[in-house]
Amino acid sequence: MRCTCKLLLFVFGLLAPSLLPSRASNAQYKTAQLTSEQLQVYGDFLESFSKMNFKFLSNRTFPLDPSRVGKDAACLKGLQIEAEKAGSTVHVLGPGVLRGRSVRLIDGREESAILKERDEKTSANGADSTNDKAIDPGVLAISEIVFDNSHHFALLKYVFLCGSHCNSGAILILEKVGSQWIGTTRRPCSFVLNDANPRG
């Protein structure tokens, strides 16, 4: 009897994980095609950042949770954000967002290799390798776009990744002025500096 109970417990222990919903599947994001509006927002944003001399752009967006900004934030004053649409969709960015700029789209594997190399360089040259950072701010990664209800404003987060303990960025509000999306009409919602999870 005892052996049978032990055997049943052992079998249940082996099968239980497969019967439970997988956490990994909850963390997965579905990819979708960019709309022409999203393509324009990303293109205009990258054009405004072209003076930053970045060489690499992550080819995958990351989710943006507008609730992390806070409803009462000055940057969101008077805006009704489409928060429910922030969800779990991400986009793969193609050459169309670059508009012919000499920036290379890179995947996660290439990004890891570049950041590892930068970390090794920082370790070898000491923490004060600020000259390199002034020339090349790192790999640029951009979030999903969250529009307001009128689609006249767009919330977007960007981060420059320059090593495991080195990144900077901000959450911006872009406004559609004429046919262009610009990020200078409202103050940034928040800044990112040396955050352990800059895409979070």
Protein backbone atom coordinates (compact mmCIF):
# COMPACT_ATOMS: atom_id res chain seq x y z
CA MET A 1 0.00 0.00 0.00
CA ARG A 2 2.77 2.41 0.96
CA CYS A 3 4.63 1.64 -2.26
CA THR A 4 1.51 2.34 -4.33
CA CYS A 5 1.03 5.73 -2.61
CA LYS A 6 4.65 6.66 -3.14
CA LEU A 7 4.44 5.64 -6.79
CA LEU A 8 1.27 7.71 -7.31
CA LEU A 9 2.88 10.75 -5.65
CA PHE A 10 5.97 10.33 -7.82
CA VAL A 11 3.91 10.08 -11.04
CA PHE A 12 1.77 13.09 -10.02
CA GLY A 13 4.95 15.05 -9.29
CA LEU A 14 6.17 14.34 -12.81
CA LEU A 15 2.86 15.18 -14.50
CA ALA A 16 1.75 18.20 -12.42
CA PRO A 17 3.95 20.78 -14.15
CA SER A 18 2.55 19.80 -17.55
CA LEU A 19 -1.02 20.11 -16.28
CA LEU A 20 -0.55 23.67 -15.01
CA PRO A 21 -0.64 26.68 -17.37
CA SER A 22 2.83 27.56 -18.54
CA ARG A 23 4.30 30.82 -17.22
CA ALA A 24 6.51 31.06 -20.28
CA SER A 25 3.49 31.20 -22.56
CA ASN A 26 2.09 34.11 -20.53
CA ALA A 27 5.32 36.01 -21.02
CA GLN A 28 5.28 35.52 -24.80
CA TYR A 29 4.18 38.39 -26.99
CA LYS A 30 2.50 38.13 -30.34
CA THR A 31 4.00 40.12 -33.16
CA ALA A 32 1.93 42.22 -35.51
CA GLN A 33 2.40 44.30 -38.64
CA LEU A 34 3.02 48.01 -38.18
CA THR A 35 0.22 50.29 -39.31
CA SER A 36 1.14 53.25 -41.53
CA GLU A 37 0.53 55.53 -38.54
CA GLN A 38 2.91 53.56 -36.29
CA LEU A 39 5.48 53.48 -39.07
CA GLN A 40 5.31 57.26 -39.34
CA VAL A 41 5.64 57.78 -35.57
CA TYR A 42 8.72 55.52 -35.41
CA GLY A 43 10.23 57.08 -38.53
CA ASP A 44 9.72 60.66 -37.30
CA PHE A 45 11.06 59.76 -33.85
CA LEU A 46 14.20 58.17 -35.33
CA GLU A 47 14.71 61.16 -37.60
CA SER A 48 14.67 63.48 -34.58
CA PHE A 49 17.25 61.22 -32.89
CA SER A 50 19.60 60.94 -35.87
CA LYS A 51 22.03 63.45 -34.31
CA MET A 52 22.67 61.01 -31.44
CA ASN A 53 25.06 59.03 -33.68
CA PHE A 54 23.72 55.64 -32.69
CA LYS A 55 24.69 52.77 -34.98
CA PHE A 56 22.34 50.00 -33.84
CA LEU A 57 18.57 49.75 -33.41
CA SER A 58 16.92 46.76 -31.75
CA ASN A 59 14.63 45.20 -34.36
CA ARG A 60 11.93 44.35 -31.81
CA THR A 61 9.81 46.79 -29.82
CA PHE A 62 9.01 46.18 -26.17
CA PRO A 63 5.68 46.63 -24.34
CA LEU A 64 4.90 49.99 -22.73
CA ASP A 65 2.69 50.09 -19.65
CA PRO A 66 1.16 53.59 -19.45
CA SER A 67 0.09 52.98 -15.84
CA ARG A 68 3.76 53.26 -14.84
CA VAL A 69 3.61 56.95 -15.79
CA GLY A 70 0.61 57.67 -13.57
CA LYS A 71 -2.72 59.22 -14.56
CA ASP A 72 -1.90 62.54 -12.88
CA ALA A 73 1.50 63.02 -14.58
CA ALA A 74 1.87 66.51 -16.07
CA CYS A 75 2.90 65.05 -19.43
CA LEU A 76 -0.50 63.32 -19.76
CA LYS A 77 -2.59 66.33 -18.71
CA GLY A 78 -5.77 66.51 -20.78
CA LEU A 79 -5.07 63.24 -22.64
CA GLN A 80 -7.17 60.08 -22.69
CA ILE A 81 -4.68 57.28 -23.29
CA GLU A 82 -5.72 54.03 -25.02
CA ALA A 83 -4.24 52.00 -22.15
CA GLU A 84 -6.12 48.80 -22.96
CA LYS A 85 -4.34 48.65 -26.32
CA ALA A 86 -0.84 48.63 -24.75
CA GLY A 87 -1.30 44.89 -24.08
CA SER A 88 1.05 42.18 -25.11
CA THR A 89 1.71 42.93 -28.77
CA VAL A 90 5.19 43.78 -29.99
CA HIS A 91 6.44 44.63 -33.46
CA VAL A 92 9.44 43.62 -35.48
CA LEU A 93 10.92 46.73 -37.03
CA GLY A 94 11.96 46.59 -40.67
CA PRO A 95 14.14 48.84 -42.85
CA GLY A 96 11.13 51.10 -43.56
CA VAL A 97 11.47 52.80 -40.16
CA LEU A 98 15.08 53.79 -40.95
CA ARG A 99 14.20 55.82 -44.06
CA GLY A 100 17.60 55.09 -45.60
CA ARG A 101 19.70 55.99 -42.52
CA SER A 102 22.93 54.09 -41.97
CA VAL A 103 21.71 52.40 -38.78
CA ARG A 104 21.78 48.63 -38.47
CA LEU A 105 18.75 46.72 -37.23
CA ILE A 106 19.89 43.98 -34.85
CA ASP A 107 18.18 41.05 -33.15
CA GLY A 108 18.45 40.03 -29.49
CA ARG A 109 21.46 37.77 -30.07
CA GLU A 110 23.45 40.53 -31.76
CA GLU A 111 22.40 43.00 -29.07
CA SER A 112 23.70 40.69 -26.33
CA ALA A 113 27.02 40.26 -28.14
CA ILE A 114 27.45 44.04 -28.60
CA LEU A 115 26.62 44.79 -24.96
CA LYS A 116 28.94 42.02 -23.73
CA GLU A 117 31.75 43.47 -25.83
CA ARG A 118 31.09 46.93 -24.43
CA ASP A 119 31.11 45.57 -20.86
CA GLU A 120 34.46 43.87 -21.53
CA LYS A 121 35.85 47.09 -22.98
CA THR A 122 34.65 49.06 -19.94
CA SER A 123 36.26 46.51 -17.59
CA ALA A 124 39.54 46.65 -19.49
CA ASN A 125 39.66 50.47 -19.77
CA GLY A 126 38.14 51.25 -16.38
CA ALA A 127 34.73 52.73 -15.63
CA ASP A 128 35.68 56.11 -17.09
CA SER A 129 35.30 55.39 -20.80
CA THR A 130 33.00 58.37 -21.33
CA ASN A 131 34.59 59.36 -24.64
CA ASP A 132 33.20 56.21 -26.31
CA LYS A 133 29.73 56.91 -24.93
CA ALA A 134 29.77 60.44 -26.31
CA ILE A 135 30.58 59.06 -29.78
CA ASP A 136 28.25 56.03 -29.60
CA PRO A 137 25.43 56.09 -27.01
CA GLY A 138 24.72 52.37 -27.47
CA VAL A 139 21.97 50.22 -28.91
CA LEU A 140 18.69 52.09 -29.24
CA ALA A 141 15.55 50.16 -28.24
CA ILE A 142 12.06 51.61 -28.57
CA SER A 143 8.75 50.62 -27.06
CA GLU A 144 5.33 50.06 -28.42
CA ILE A 145 3.38 53.23 -29.15
CA VAL A 146 0.35 54.06 -27.02
CA PHE A 147 -1.90 56.67 -28.63
CA ASP A 148 -4.40 58.97 -27.01
CA ASN A 149 -8.03 58.57 -28.08
CA SER A 150 -7.73 61.29 -30.73
CA HIS A 151 -4.49 59.85 -32.16
CA HIS A 152 -3.05 63.36 -31.92
CA PHE A 153 -0.55 62.34 -29.21
CA ALA A 154 1.59 59.20 -28.81
CA LEU A 155 3.38 57.84 -25.75
CA LEU A 156 6.73 56.17 -26.49
CA LYS A 157 9.68 54.98 -24.41
CA TYR A 158 13.24 54.78 -25.69
CA VAL A 159 16.41 53.45 -24.07
CA PHE A 160 20.03 53.53 -25.12
CA LEU A 161 21.65 50.29 -23.92
CA CYS A 162 25.39 50.62 -23.51
CA GLY A 163 26.24 47.73 -21.20
CA SER A 164 24.82 45.69 -18.35
CA HIS A 165 24.97 48.60 -15.90
CA CYS A 166 24.73 51.48 -18.32
CA ASN A 167 21.60 52.76 -20.00
CA SER A 168 19.57 55.91 -20.34
CA GLY A 169 16.29 56.95 -21.87
CA ALA A 170 12.90 58.49 -21.27
CA ILE A 171 9.18 58.17 -21.79
CA LEU A 172 8.08 60.86 -24.22
CA ILE A 173 4.85 62.30 -25.54
CA LEU A 174 4.99 62.92 -29.27
CA GLU A 175 2.47 65.30 -30.82
CA LYS A 176 1.28 65.30 -34.40
CA VAL A 177 2.02 68.76 -35.78
CA GLY A 178 0.98 69.03 -39.40
CA SER A 179 2.06 65.74 -40.91
CA GLN A 180 4.95 65.12 -38.49
CA TRP A 181 5.23 63.61 -35.03
CA ILE A 182 7.48 65.71 -32.77
CA GLY A 183 8.56 65.25 -29.16
CA THR A 184 9.27 68.82 -28.13
CA THR A 185 5.78 70.17 -27.31
CA ARG A 186 5.53 68.41 -23.93
CA ARG A 187 8.07 67.61 -21.25
CA PRO A 188 9.20 63.97 -20.94
CA CYS A 189 7.06 61.90 -18.58
CA SER A 190 10.03 60.24 -16.90
CA PHE A 191 13.70 59.44 -17.36
CA VAL A 192 15.62 56.15 -17.27
CA LEU A 193 19.15 56.07 -15.90
CA ASN A 194 21.12 52.92 -15.10
CA ASP A 195 17.93 50.96 -14.50
CA ALA A 196 18.44 47.21 -14.04
CA ASN A 197 15.43 46.58 -16.31
CA PRO A 198 15.41 49.52 -18.75
CA ARG A 199 12.69 48.02 -20.96
CA GLY A 200 10.38 47.45 -17.99
